[in-house]
Amino acid sequence: MAAKDRAKASAQPVVLVLASGRGERFAASGGMVHKLRAALGDKTVLEHTLAAVRASGLPWHLEDAGHPGMGDSIAAAVRATAGTPGWLVLPGDLPLVLPETLRSIAAALADCAVAVPLYQGERGHPVGFTAECQPGLLALTGEQGAASVVRQQAQQGRVRWVDVDDAGTVTDVDTVQDLERAAQRLAARG
């Protein structure tokens, strides 16, 4: 990577792809493999998510060390990428998220501390955080994600809600039925 490209990449938030969950709901719904390894068209769920991240052009980090909860995963990923201007928290089970949505959330961080995508009024992922949110993100533990950090920033008027035309921001794969819905949406994209 050329020095100019490295400087540009370092000025962008890092997409944190969270792939540490156990996928228990997927197994309970009849899934025979871990949800991130489940086939969705010609790729796995995680391969689709990573393809969108790569296509966004943003720097990224895969957190797949097997942490006990989402809070632990986020904190570990932020620790691993400390010194960056911010993060986009993206669960690995959102295979239909669009690269342009990742870029939109990254760009929205220019004038807020937290950027949350809204698809037809529903909150989605990735949620973007600037570096000033680092202490709160590092303190996360357990099953809860970063909702506490979003609430804290919202109380200070520092959250931007970003309307997106991307059903992929709310199409997560937690059950076999979710996987079937994702396959239908993927097929409809053509």
N, C-alpha and C. Protein backbone atom coordinates (compact mmCIF):
# COMPACT_ATOMS: atom_id res chain seq x y z
N MET A 1 0.85 -1.17 0.00
CA MET A 1 0.00 0.00 0.00
C MET A 1 0.89 1.24 0.00
N ALA A 2 0.61 2.17 -0.87
CA ALA A 2 1.39 3.40 -0.95
C ALA A 2 1.18 4.24 0.30
N ALA A 3 2.15 5.11 0.60
CA ALA A 3 2.07 5.95 1.81
C ALA A 3 0.80 6.79 1.81
N LYS A 4 0.42 7.33 0.65
CA LYS A 4 -0.79 8.15 0.57
C LYS A 4 -2.03 7.30 0.91
N ASP A 5 -2.06 6.05 0.41
CA ASP A 5 -3.19 5.15 0.69
C ASP A 5 -3.22 4.77 2.17
N ARG A 6 -2.03 4.54 2.76
CA ARG A 6 -1.98 4.21 4.20
C ARG A 6 -2.48 5.37 5.03
N ALA A 7 -2.11 6.59 4.67
CA ALA A 7 -2.56 7.77 5.42
C ALA A 7 -4.07 7.92 5.30
N LYS A 8 -4.62 7.69 4.12
CA LYS A 8 -6.06 7.78 3.93
C LYS A 8 -6.77 6.71 4.76
N ALA A 9 -6.26 5.48 4.73
CA ALA A 9 -6.87 4.38 5.48
C ALA A 9 -6.81 4.65 6.98
N SER A 10 -5.71 5.24 7.46
CA SER A 10 -5.58 5.48 8.89
C SER A 10 -6.51 6.59 9.37
N ALA A 11 -7.01 7.43 8.46
CA ALA A 11 -7.94 8.49 8.83
C ALA A 11 -9.39 8.00 8.84
N GLN A 12 -9.61 6.75 8.50
CA GLN A 12 -10.96 6.20 8.45
C GLN A 12 -11.20 5.28 9.64
N PRO A 13 -12.47 5.18 10.05
CA PRO A 13 -12.77 4.23 11.13
C PRO A 13 -12.56 2.80 10.64
N VAL A 14 -12.30 1.92 11.58
CA VAL A 14 -12.08 0.51 11.29
C VAL A 14 -13.40 -0.24 11.47
N VAL A 15 -13.73 -1.08 10.49
CA VAL A 15 -14.92 -1.92 10.62
C VAL A 15 -14.53 -3.12 11.48
N LEU A 16 -15.21 -3.27 12.61
CA LEU A 16 -14.98 -4.40 13.51
C LEU A 16 -16.01 -5.48 13.18
N VAL A 17 -15.58 -6.54 12.54
CA VAL A 17 -16.47 -7.64 12.19
C VAL A 17 -16.46 -8.62 13.36
N LEU A 18 -17.60 -8.72 14.03
CA LEU A 18 -17.69 -9.57 15.22
C LEU A 18 -18.13 -10.97 14.83
N ALA A 19 -17.25 -11.94 15.07
CA ALA A 19 -17.52 -13.33 14.68
C ALA A 19 -17.17 -14.28 15.82
N SER A 20 -17.43 -13.84 17.06
CA SER A 20 -17.05 -14.64 18.23
C SER A 20 -18.21 -15.38 18.86
N GLY A 21 -19.44 -15.08 18.45
CA GLY A 21 -20.61 -15.68 19.10
C GLY A 21 -20.69 -17.18 18.91
N ARG A 22 -21.44 -17.79 19.79
CA ARG A 22 -21.59 -19.25 19.75
C ARG A 22 -22.68 -19.70 18.78
N GLY A 23 -23.59 -18.82 18.39
CA GLY A 23 -24.63 -19.19 17.44
C GLY A 23 -25.63 -20.18 18.00
N GLU A 24 -25.93 -20.07 19.29
CA GLU A 24 -26.81 -21.05 19.95
C GLU A 24 -28.24 -21.02 19.41
N ARG A 25 -28.77 -19.84 19.11
CA ARG A 25 -30.14 -19.77 18.58
C ARG A 25 -30.23 -20.45 17.22
N PHE A 26 -29.17 -20.30 16.42
CA PHE A 26 -29.17 -20.94 15.10
C PHE A 26 -29.20 -22.45 15.26
N ALA A 27 -28.38 -22.98 16.15
CA ALA A 27 -28.35 -24.43 16.39
C ALA A 27 -29.70 -24.90 16.93
N ALA A 28 -30.29 -24.13 17.85
CA ALA A 28 -31.57 -24.51 18.43
C ALA A 28 -32.69 -24.52 17.40
N SER A 29 -32.52 -23.72 16.33
CA SER A 29 -33.56 -23.66 15.28
C SER A 29 -33.37 -24.76 14.23
N GLY A 30 -32.36 -25.60 14.39
CA GLY A 30 -32.14 -26.69 13.45
C GLY A 30 -30.90 -26.57 12.60
N GLY A 31 -30.11 -25.51 12.81
CA GLY A 31 -28.89 -25.33 12.04
C GLY A 31 -27.89 -26.44 12.32
N MET A 32 -27.27 -26.96 11.27
CA MET A 32 -26.35 -28.08 11.42
C MET A 32 -24.88 -27.63 11.49
N VAL A 33 -24.61 -26.38 11.18
CA VAL A 33 -23.27 -25.81 11.27
C VAL A 33 -23.40 -24.48 12.00
N HIS A 34 -22.28 -23.89 12.38
CA HIS A 34 -22.32 -22.56 12.99
C HIS A 34 -22.92 -21.60 11.98
N LYS A 35 -23.72 -20.65 12.44
CA LYS A 35 -24.44 -19.76 11.52
C LYS A 35 -23.52 -19.01 10.57
N LEU A 36 -22.32 -18.65 11.01
CA LEU A 36 -21.42 -17.90 10.14
C LEU A 36 -20.84 -18.77 9.03
N ARG A 37 -20.87 -20.10 9.22
CA ARG A 37 -20.38 -21.04 8.20
C ARG A 37 -21.51 -21.60 7.35
N ALA A 38 -22.74 -21.18 7.65
CA ALA A 38 -23.89 -21.67 6.88
C ALA A 38 -23.83 -21.12 5.46
N ALA A 39 -24.22 -21.95 4.50
CA ALA A 39 -24.21 -21.56 3.10
C ALA A 39 -25.34 -20.58 2.81
N LEU A 40 -24.97 -19.52 2.10
CA LEU A 40 -25.93 -18.51 1.63
C LEU A 40 -25.55 -18.26 0.18
N GLY A 41 -26.27 -18.90 -0.73
CA GLY A 41 -25.87 -18.83 -2.14
C GLY A 41 -24.54 -19.53 -2.31
N ASP A 42 -23.60 -18.85 -2.97
CA ASP A 42 -22.31 -19.47 -3.28
C ASP A 42 -21.23 -19.21 -2.23
N LYS A 43 -21.59 -18.55 -1.11
CA LYS A 43 -20.62 -18.26 -0.05
C LYS A 43 -21.25 -18.56 1.30
N THR A 44 -20.45 -18.49 2.34
CA THR A 44 -20.99 -18.61 3.69
C THR A 44 -21.51 -17.23 4.12
N VAL A 45 -22.26 -17.23 5.21
CA VAL A 45 -22.77 -15.98 5.77
C VAL A 45 -21.61 -15.01 6.03
N LEU A 46 -20.59 -15.49 6.72
CA LEU A 46 -19.45 -14.62 7.04
C LEU A 46 -18.71 -14.15 5.79
N GLU A 47 -18.57 -15.02 4.79
CA GLU A 47 -17.90 -14.61 3.55
C GLU A 47 -18.64 -13.46 2.86
N HIS A 48 -19.97 -13.49 2.91
CA HIS A 48 -20.75 -12.39 2.33
C HIS A 48 -20.47 -11.09 3.10
N THR A 49 -20.49 -11.18 4.43
CA THR A 49 -20.24 -9.99 5.25
C THR A 49 -18.86 -9.42 4.96
N LEU A 50 -17.86 -10.28 4.93
CA LEU A 50 -16.48 -9.83 4.68
C LEU A 50 -16.33 -9.26 3.26
N ALA A 51 -17.04 -9.82 2.30
CA ALA A 51 -16.96 -9.29 0.92
C ALA A 51 -17.47 -7.85 0.88
N ALA A 52 -18.55 -7.57 1.60
CA ALA A 52 -19.08 -6.20 1.64
C ALA A 52 -18.09 -5.26 2.32
N VAL A 53 -17.47 -5.74 3.39
CA VAL A 53 -16.49 -4.92 4.12
C VAL A 53 -15.30 -4.61 3.21
N ARG A 54 -14.79 -5.62 2.54
CA ARG A 54 -13.66 -5.39 1.62
C ARG A 54 -14.04 -4.42 0.52
N ALA A 55 -15.24 -4.58 -0.03
CA ALA A 55 -15.69 -3.71 -1.13
C ALA A 55 -15.88 -2.27 -0.67
N SER A 56 -16.07 -2.05 0.63
CA SER A 56 -16.26 -0.68 1.13
C SER A 56 -14.97 0.13 1.06
N GLY A 57 -13.83 -0.56 1.04
CA GLY A 57 -12.55 0.13 1.02
C GLY A 57 -12.09 0.60 2.39
N LEU A 58 -12.88 0.35 3.43
CA LEU A 58 -12.51 0.77 4.78
C LEU A 58 -11.58 -0.26 5.41
N PRO A 59 -10.71 0.19 6.32
CA PRO A 59 -9.89 -0.79 7.05
C PRO A 59 -10.81 -1.64 7.93
N TRP A 60 -10.41 -2.87 8.21
CA TRP A 60 -11.27 -3.74 8.99
C TRP A 60 -10.47 -4.69 9.86
N HIS A 61 -11.16 -5.25 10.85
CA HIS A 61 -10.57 -6.19 11.79
C HIS A 61 -11.62 -7.27 12.07
N LEU A 62 -11.23 -8.54 11.95
CA LEU A 62 -12.11 -9.66 12.26
C LEU A 62 -11.84 -10.11 13.69
N GLU A 63 -12.86 -10.04 14.53
CA GLU A 63 -12.74 -10.48 15.92
C GLU A 63 -13.45 -11.82 16.06
N ASP A 64 -12.66 -12.89 16.09
CA ASP A 64 -13.23 -14.23 16.12
C ASP A 64 -12.60 -15.13 17.17
N ALA A 65 -12.15 -14.52 18.27
CA ALA A 65 -11.43 -15.27 19.30
C ALA A 65 -12.31 -16.05 20.25
N GLY A 66 -13.62 -16.01 20.09
CA GLY A 66 -14.49 -16.82 20.94
C GLY A 66 -14.75 -16.21 22.30
N HIS A 67 -15.08 -14.94 22.36
CA HIS A 67 -15.37 -14.26 23.62
C HIS A 67 -16.73 -14.69 24.16
N PRO A 68 -16.94 -14.56 25.48
CA PRO A 68 -18.20 -15.00 26.07
C PRO A 68 -19.43 -14.19 25.67
N GLY A 69 -19.26 -12.94 25.30
CA GLY A 69 -20.42 -12.13 24.93
C GLY A 69 -20.05 -11.02 23.97
N MET A 70 -21.07 -10.35 23.41
CA MET A 70 -20.83 -9.30 22.43
C MET A 70 -20.03 -8.15 23.03
N GLY A 71 -20.32 -7.79 24.28
CA GLY A 71 -19.57 -6.71 24.92
C GLY A 71 -18.09 -7.03 24.99
N ASP A 72 -17.77 -8.27 25.35
CA ASP A 72 -16.37 -8.70 25.42
C ASP A 72 -15.72 -8.65 24.04
N SER A 73 -16.47 -9.04 23.01
CA SER A 73 -15.94 -9.04 21.64
C SER A 73 -15.63 -7.61 21.18
N ILE A 74 -16.57 -6.70 21.45
CA ILE A 74 -16.36 -5.31 21.04
C ILE A 74 -15.14 -4.74 21.75
N ALA A 75 -15.06 -4.95 23.08
CA ALA A 75 -13.92 -4.42 23.84
C ALA A 75 -12.60 -4.98 23.32
N ALA A 76 -12.55 -6.27 23.02
CA ALA A 76 -11.32 -6.88 22.51
C ALA A 76 -10.95 -6.31 21.15
N ALA A 77 -11.94 -6.11 20.28
CA ALA A 77 -11.67 -5.57 18.94
C ALA A 77 -11.19 -4.12 19.02
N VAL A 78 -11.78 -3.34 19.92
CA VAL A 78 -11.34 -1.94 20.09
C VAL A 78 -9.91 -1.92 20.63
N ARG A 79 -9.62 -2.79 21.60
CA ARG A 79 -8.24 -2.88 22.13
C ARG A 79 -7.26 -3.22 21.01
N ALA A 80 -7.64 -4.15 20.14
CA ALA A 80 -6.75 -4.60 19.06
C ALA A 80 -6.52 -3.52 18.00
N THR A 81 -7.40 -2.53 17.95
CA THR A 81 -7.30 -1.50 16.91
C THR A 81 -7.20 -0.10 17.53
N ALA A 82 -6.73 -0.04 18.75
CA ALA A 82 -6.59 1.26 19.44
C ALA A 82 -5.73 2.19 18.60
N GLY A 83 -6.02 3.48 18.71
CA GLY A 83 -5.26 4.47 17.95
C GLY A 83 -5.91 4.84 16.63
N THR A 84 -7.01 4.22 16.31
CA THR A 84 -7.73 4.58 15.09
C THR A 84 -8.75 5.68 15.40
N PRO A 85 -9.25 6.37 14.38
CA PRO A 85 -10.18 7.48 14.62
C PRO A 85 -11.59 7.03 15.00
N GLY A 86 -11.87 5.74 14.91
CA GLY A 86 -13.20 5.27 15.26
C GLY A 86 -13.42 3.85 14.77
N TRP A 87 -14.66 3.38 15.00
CA TRP A 87 -14.99 2.00 14.69
C TRP A 87 -16.41 1.90 14.17
N LEU A 88 -16.65 0.95 13.28
CA LEU A 88 -17.98 0.55 12.86
C LEU A 88 -18.18 -0.87 13.37
N VAL A 89 -19.11 -1.04 14.30
CA VAL A 89 -19.36 -2.36 14.89
C VAL A 89 -20.35 -3.10 14.00
N LEU A 90 -19.88 -4.20 13.42
CA LEU A 90 -20.68 -4.97 12.47
C LEU A 90 -20.68 -6.45 12.86
N PRO A 91 -21.80 -6.95 13.38
CA PRO A 91 -21.87 -8.39 13.63
C PRO A 91 -21.65 -9.16 12.33
N GLY A 92 -20.95 -10.28 12.42
CA GLY A 92 -20.63 -11.08 11.24
C GLY A 92 -21.82 -11.73 10.59
N ASP A 93 -22.98 -11.71 11.27
CA ASP A 93 -24.16 -12.38 10.73
C ASP A 93 -25.10 -11.44 9.98
N LEU A 94 -24.54 -10.36 9.41
CA LEU A 94 -25.32 -9.45 8.56
C LEU A 94 -24.79 -9.53 7.12
N PRO A 95 -25.06 -10.64 6.43
CA PRO A 95 -24.43 -10.91 5.13
C PRO A 95 -24.90 -10.04 3.99
N LEU A 96 -25.98 -9.28 4.16
CA LEU A 96 -26.51 -8.51 3.05
C LEU A 96 -26.22 -7.02 3.16
N VAL A 97 -25.47 -6.61 4.18
CA VAL A 97 -25.15 -5.19 4.31
C VAL A 97 -24.39 -4.74 3.08
N LEU A 98 -24.68 -3.51 2.64
CA LEU A 98 -24.07 -3.00 1.42
C LEU A 98 -22.80 -2.20 1.72
N PRO A 99 -21.80 -2.29 0.85
CA PRO A 99 -20.56 -1.52 1.05
C PRO A 99 -20.82 -0.02 1.17
N GLU A 100 -21.77 0.50 0.37
CA GLU A 100 -22.03 1.94 0.44
C GLU A 100 -22.63 2.36 1.78
N THR A 101 -23.33 1.45 2.45
CA THR A 101 -23.85 1.75 3.78
C THR A 101 -22.69 1.89 4.77
N LEU A 102 -21.72 1.01 4.67
CA LEU A 102 -20.54 1.10 5.54
C LEU A 102 -19.86 2.45 5.33
N ARG A 103 -19.70 2.85 4.08
CA ARG A 103 -19.07 4.15 3.79
C ARG A 103 -19.92 5.31 4.31
N SER A 104 -21.24 5.21 4.21
CA SER A 104 -22.13 6.27 4.70
C SER A 104 -22.03 6.45 6.21
N ILE A 105 -21.99 5.35 6.93
CA ILE A 105 -21.89 5.43 8.39
C ILE A 105 -20.51 5.99 8.77
N ALA A 106 -19.47 5.57 8.08
CA ALA A 106 -18.13 6.11 8.34
C ALA A 106 -18.10 7.61 8.11
N ALA A 107 -18.70 8.06 7.01
CA ALA A 107 -18.72 9.49 6.69
C ALA A 107 -19.53 10.28 7.71
N ALA A 108 -20.60 9.69 8.22
CA ALA A 108 -21.46 10.38 9.20
C ALA A 108 -20.71 10.71 10.48
N LEU A 109 -19.67 9.96 10.79
CA LEU A 109 -18.91 10.19 12.03
C LEU A 109 -18.14 11.51 12.01
N ALA A 110 -18.11 12.19 10.88
CA ALA A 110 -17.42 13.48 10.79
C ALA A 110 -18.08 14.54 11.67
N ASP A 111 -19.39 14.37 11.96
CA ASP A 111 -20.07 15.41 12.74
C ASP A 111 -20.89 14.88 13.91
N CYS A 112 -20.49 13.72 14.46
CA CYS A 112 -21.17 13.16 15.62
C CYS A 112 -20.24 12.16 16.30
N ALA A 113 -20.61 11.70 17.48
CA ALA A 113 -19.81 10.69 18.18
C ALA A 113 -20.25 9.28 17.83
N VAL A 114 -21.56 9.14 17.52
CA VAL A 114 -22.12 7.83 17.19
C VAL A 114 -23.05 7.99 15.99
N ALA A 115 -22.95 7.08 15.04
CA ALA A 115 -23.84 7.07 13.87
C ALA A 115 -24.55 5.72 13.81
N VAL A 116 -25.89 5.78 13.75
CA VAL A 116 -26.70 4.57 13.75
C VAL A 116 -27.55 4.53 12.49
N PRO A 117 -27.45 3.45 11.70
CA PRO A 117 -28.29 3.37 10.51
C PRO A 117 -29.73 3.04 10.88
N LEU A 118 -30.65 3.65 10.15
CA LEU A 118 -32.08 3.37 10.29
C LEU A 118 -32.60 2.92 8.94
N TYR A 119 -33.19 1.73 8.92
CA TYR A 119 -33.83 1.23 7.70
C TYR A 119 -35.32 1.18 7.98
N GLN A 120 -36.07 2.01 7.30
CA GLN A 120 -37.52 2.11 7.49
C GLN A 120 -37.88 2.22 8.97
N GLY A 121 -37.12 3.06 9.68
CA GLY A 121 -37.37 3.32 11.10
C GLY A 121 -36.78 2.31 12.07
N GLU A 122 -36.18 1.23 11.57
CA GLU A 122 -35.60 0.20 12.43
C GLU A 122 -34.09 0.40 12.54
N ARG A 123 -33.59 0.38 13.77
CA ARG A 123 -32.15 0.51 14.00
C ARG A 123 -31.43 -0.71 13.46
N GLY A 124 -30.27 -0.46 12.87
CA GLY A 124 -29.50 -1.57 12.31
C GLY A 124 -28.03 -1.47 12.64
N HIS A 125 -27.23 -2.18 11.86
CA HIS A 125 -25.78 -2.20 11.99
C HIS A 125 -25.18 -1.96 10.61
N PRO A 126 -24.00 -1.43 10.54
CA PRO A 126 -23.06 -1.20 11.65
C PRO A 126 -23.37 0.11 12.37
N VAL A 127 -23.05 0.14 13.66
CA VAL A 127 -23.12 1.37 14.42
C VAL A 127 -21.70 1.92 14.48
N GLY A 128 -21.58 3.20 14.14
CA GLY A 128 -20.26 3.85 14.11
C GLY A 128 -19.99 4.61 15.40
N PHE A 129 -18.74 4.59 15.83
CA PHE A 129 -18.30 5.28 17.05
C PHE A 129 -16.99 6.01 16.76
N THR A 130 -16.87 7.23 17.24
CA THR A 130 -15.60 7.94 17.13
C THR A 130 -14.69 7.52 18.28
N ALA A 131 -13.42 7.92 18.20
CA ALA A 131 -12.42 7.55 19.20
C ALA A 131 -12.80 8.06 20.59
N GLU A 132 -13.58 9.13 20.68
CA GLU A 132 -13.95 9.62 22.01
C GLU A 132 -14.83 8.63 22.76
N CYS A 133 -15.40 7.65 22.07
CA CYS A 133 -16.21 6.61 22.71
C CYS A 133 -15.36 5.45 23.21
N GLN A 134 -14.05 5.49 22.96
CA GLN A 134 -13.18 4.36 23.30
C GLN A 134 -13.29 3.91 24.75
N PRO A 135 -13.25 4.80 25.76
CA PRO A 135 -13.34 4.31 27.14
C PRO A 135 -14.61 3.50 27.40
N GLY A 136 -15.74 3.97 26.89
CA GLY A 136 -16.99 3.24 27.07
C GLY A 136 -16.99 1.89 26.37
N LEU A 137 -16.41 1.85 25.17
CA LEU A 137 -16.35 0.60 24.41
C LEU A 137 -15.42 -0.40 25.08
N LEU A 138 -14.31 0.08 25.61
CA LEU A 138 -13.35 -0.81 26.29
C LEU A 138 -13.92 -1.39 27.58
N ALA A 139 -14.89 -0.70 28.18
CA ALA A 139 -15.48 -1.15 29.45
C ALA A 139 -16.59 -2.19 29.25
N LEU A 140 -16.97 -2.47 28.01
CA LEU A 140 -18.06 -3.40 27.76
C LEU A 140 -17.69 -4.83 28.14
N THR A 141 -18.64 -5.54 28.70
CA THR A 141 -18.47 -6.96 29.02
C THR A 141 -19.82 -7.66 28.87
N GLY A 142 -19.77 -8.97 28.84
CA GLY A 142 -21.00 -9.76 28.83
C GLY A 142 -21.75 -9.75 27.52
N GLU A 143 -23.03 -10.11 27.62
CA GLU A 143 -23.87 -10.29 26.46
C GLU A 143 -24.29 -8.99 25.78
N GLN A 144 -24.37 -7.91 26.55
CA GLN A 144 -24.84 -6.64 26.00
C GLN A 144 -23.80 -6.05 25.06
N GLY A 145 -24.29 -5.49 23.98
CA GLY A 145 -23.41 -4.81 23.03
C GLY A 145 -23.12 -3.40 23.52
N ALA A 146 -23.10 -2.47 22.61
CA ALA A 146 -22.69 -1.10 22.92
C ALA A 146 -23.88 -0.15 23.11
N ALA A 147 -25.06 -0.68 23.41
CA ALA A 147 -26.25 0.16 23.59
C ALA A 147 -26.03 1.20 24.70
N SER A 148 -25.30 0.85 25.73
CA SER A 148 -25.06 1.80 26.83
C SER A 148 -24.24 3.00 26.35
N VAL A 149 -23.31 2.76 25.45
CA VAL A 149 -22.49 3.85 24.90
C VAL A 149 -23.36 4.74 24.01
N VAL A 150 -24.23 4.11 23.22
CA VAL A 150 -25.13 4.89 22.36
C VAL A 150 -26.04 5.76 23.24
N ARG A 151 -26.62 5.17 24.30
CA ARG A 151 -27.51 5.94 25.19
C ARG A 151 -26.78 7.12 25.81
N GLN A 152 -25.56 6.88 26.29
CA GLN A 152 -24.78 7.95 26.92
C GLN A 152 -24.54 9.10 25.93
N GLN A 153 -24.16 8.77 24.71
CA GLN A 153 -23.91 9.80 23.70
C GLN A 153 -25.21 10.48 23.27
N ALA A 154 -26.32 9.73 23.23
CA ALA A 154 -27.61 10.31 22.86
C ALA A 154 -28.05 11.35 23.89
N GLN A 155 -27.77 11.09 25.16
CA GLN A 155 -28.11 12.05 26.21
C GLN A 155 -27.37 13.36 26.02
N GLN A 156 -26.24 13.33 25.36
CA GLN A 156 -25.45 14.53 25.09
C GLN A 156 -25.73 15.10 23.69
N GLY A 157 -26.71 14.51 23.00
CA GLY A 157 -27.05 14.99 21.66
C GLY A 157 -25.99 14.71 20.62
N ARG A 158 -25.22 13.64 20.81
CA ARG A 158 -24.09 13.36 19.93
C ARG A 158 -24.28 12.11 19.07
N VAL A 159 -25.56 11.71 18.89
CA VAL A 159 -25.87 10.56 18.03
C VAL A 159 -26.56 11.07 16.77
N ARG A 160 -26.13 10.54 15.65
CA ARG A 160 -26.77 10.86 14.37
C ARG A 160 -27.45 9.60 13.86
N TRP A 161 -28.73 9.73 13.55
CA TRP A 161 -29.51 8.64 12.98
C TRP A 161 -29.45 8.80 11.47
N VAL A 162 -28.94 7.80 10.78
CA VAL A 162 -28.69 7.89 9.34
C VAL A 162 -29.69 6.99 8.60
N ASP A 163 -30.61 7.62 7.87
CA ASP A 163 -31.56 6.84 7.07
C ASP A 163 -30.81 6.18 5.92
N VAL A 164 -31.00 4.87 5.79
CA VAL A 164 -30.36 4.11 4.72
C VAL A 164 -31.40 3.29 3.98
N ASP A 165 -31.14 3.05 2.72
CA ASP A 165 -32.01 2.19 1.91
C ASP A 165 -31.29 0.85 1.76
N ASP A 166 -31.15 0.16 2.88
CA ASP A 166 -30.36 -1.07 2.92
C ASP A 166 -30.96 -2.04 3.93
N ALA A 167 -31.79 -2.95 3.44
CA ALA A 167 -32.40 -3.95 4.31
C ALA A 167 -31.34 -4.84 4.96
N GLY A 168 -30.14 -4.86 4.38
CA GLY A 168 -29.05 -5.66 4.94
C GLY A 168 -28.61 -5.20 6.32
N THR A 169 -28.93 -3.97 6.68
CA THR A 169 -28.55 -3.47 8.01
C THR A 169 -29.38 -4.10 9.12
N VAL A 170 -30.52 -4.69 8.75
CA VAL A 170 -31.42 -5.30 9.74
C VAL A 170 -31.68 -6.77 9.46
N THR A 171 -30.96 -7.33 8.48
CA THR A 171 -31.16 -8.73 8.11
C THR A 171 -30.04 -9.57 8.70
N ASP A 172 -30.21 -9.91 10.00
CA ASP A 172 -29.21 -10.77 10.63
C ASP A 172 -29.67 -12.22 10.56
N VAL A 173 -28.72 -13.12 10.73
CA VAL A 173 -28.99 -14.55 10.63
C VAL A 173 -28.82 -15.16 12.01
N ASP A 174 -29.94 -15.24 12.75
CA ASP A 174 -29.91 -15.86 14.07
C ASP A 174 -30.55 -17.24 14.08
N THR A 175 -31.40 -17.53 13.08
CA THR A 175 -32.09 -18.82 13.01
C THR A 175 -32.05 -19.33 11.57
N VAL A 176 -32.43 -20.58 11.39
CA VAL A 176 -32.51 -21.16 10.06
C VAL A 176 -33.54 -20.38 9.22
N GLN A 177 -34.62 -19.94 9.86
CA GLN A 177 -35.63 -19.16 9.15
C GLN A 177 -35.05 -17.82 8.69
N ASP A 178 -34.22 -17.18 9.52
CA ASP A 178 -33.54 -15.94 9.11
C ASP A 178 -32.66 -16.19 7.90
N LEU A 179 -31.97 -17.32 7.88
CA LEU A 179 -31.11 -17.67 6.75
C LEU A 179 -31.94 -17.81 5.48
N GLU A 180 -33.12 -18.43 5.59
CA GLU A 180 -33.99 -18.57 4.43
C GLU A 180 -34.45 -17.20 3.92
N ARG A 181 -34.81 -16.28 4.85
CA ARG A 181 -35.22 -14.93 4.45
C ARG A 181 -34.06 -14.19 3.77
N ALA A 182 -32.86 -14.37 4.33
CA ALA A 182 -31.69 -13.72 3.72
C ALA A 182 -31.45 -14.25 2.31
N ALA A 183 -31.63 -15.56 2.12
CA ALA A 183 -31.45 -16.16 0.79
C ALA A 183 -32.46 -15.59 -0.20
N GLN A 184 -33.70 -15.37 0.26
CA GLN A 184 -34.72 -14.79 -0.62
C GLN A 184 -34.34 -13.35 -0.99
N ARG A 185 -33.89 -12.57 -0.03
CA ARG A 185 -33.49 -11.19 -0.32
C ARG A 185 -32.28 -11.14 -1.24
N LEU A 186 -31.33 -12.07 -1.03
CA LEU A 186 -30.15 -12.13 -1.89
C LEU A 186 -30.56 -12.47 -3.32
N ALA A 187 -31.46 -13.42 -3.48
CA ALA A 187 -31.93 -13.81 -4.81
C ALA A 187 -32.68 -12.66 -5.48
N ALA A 188 -33.41 -11.88 -4.70
CA ALA A 188 -34.16 -10.75 -5.25
C ALA A 188 -33.25 -9.64 -5.75
N ARG A 189 -32.05 -9.55 -5.16
CA ARG A 189 -31.07 -8.55 -5.62
C ARG A 189 -30.59 -8.83 -7.03
N GLY A 190 -30.62 -10.14 -7.37
CA GLY A 190 -30.22 -10.52 -8.73
C GLY A 190 -28.82 -10.74 -8.89
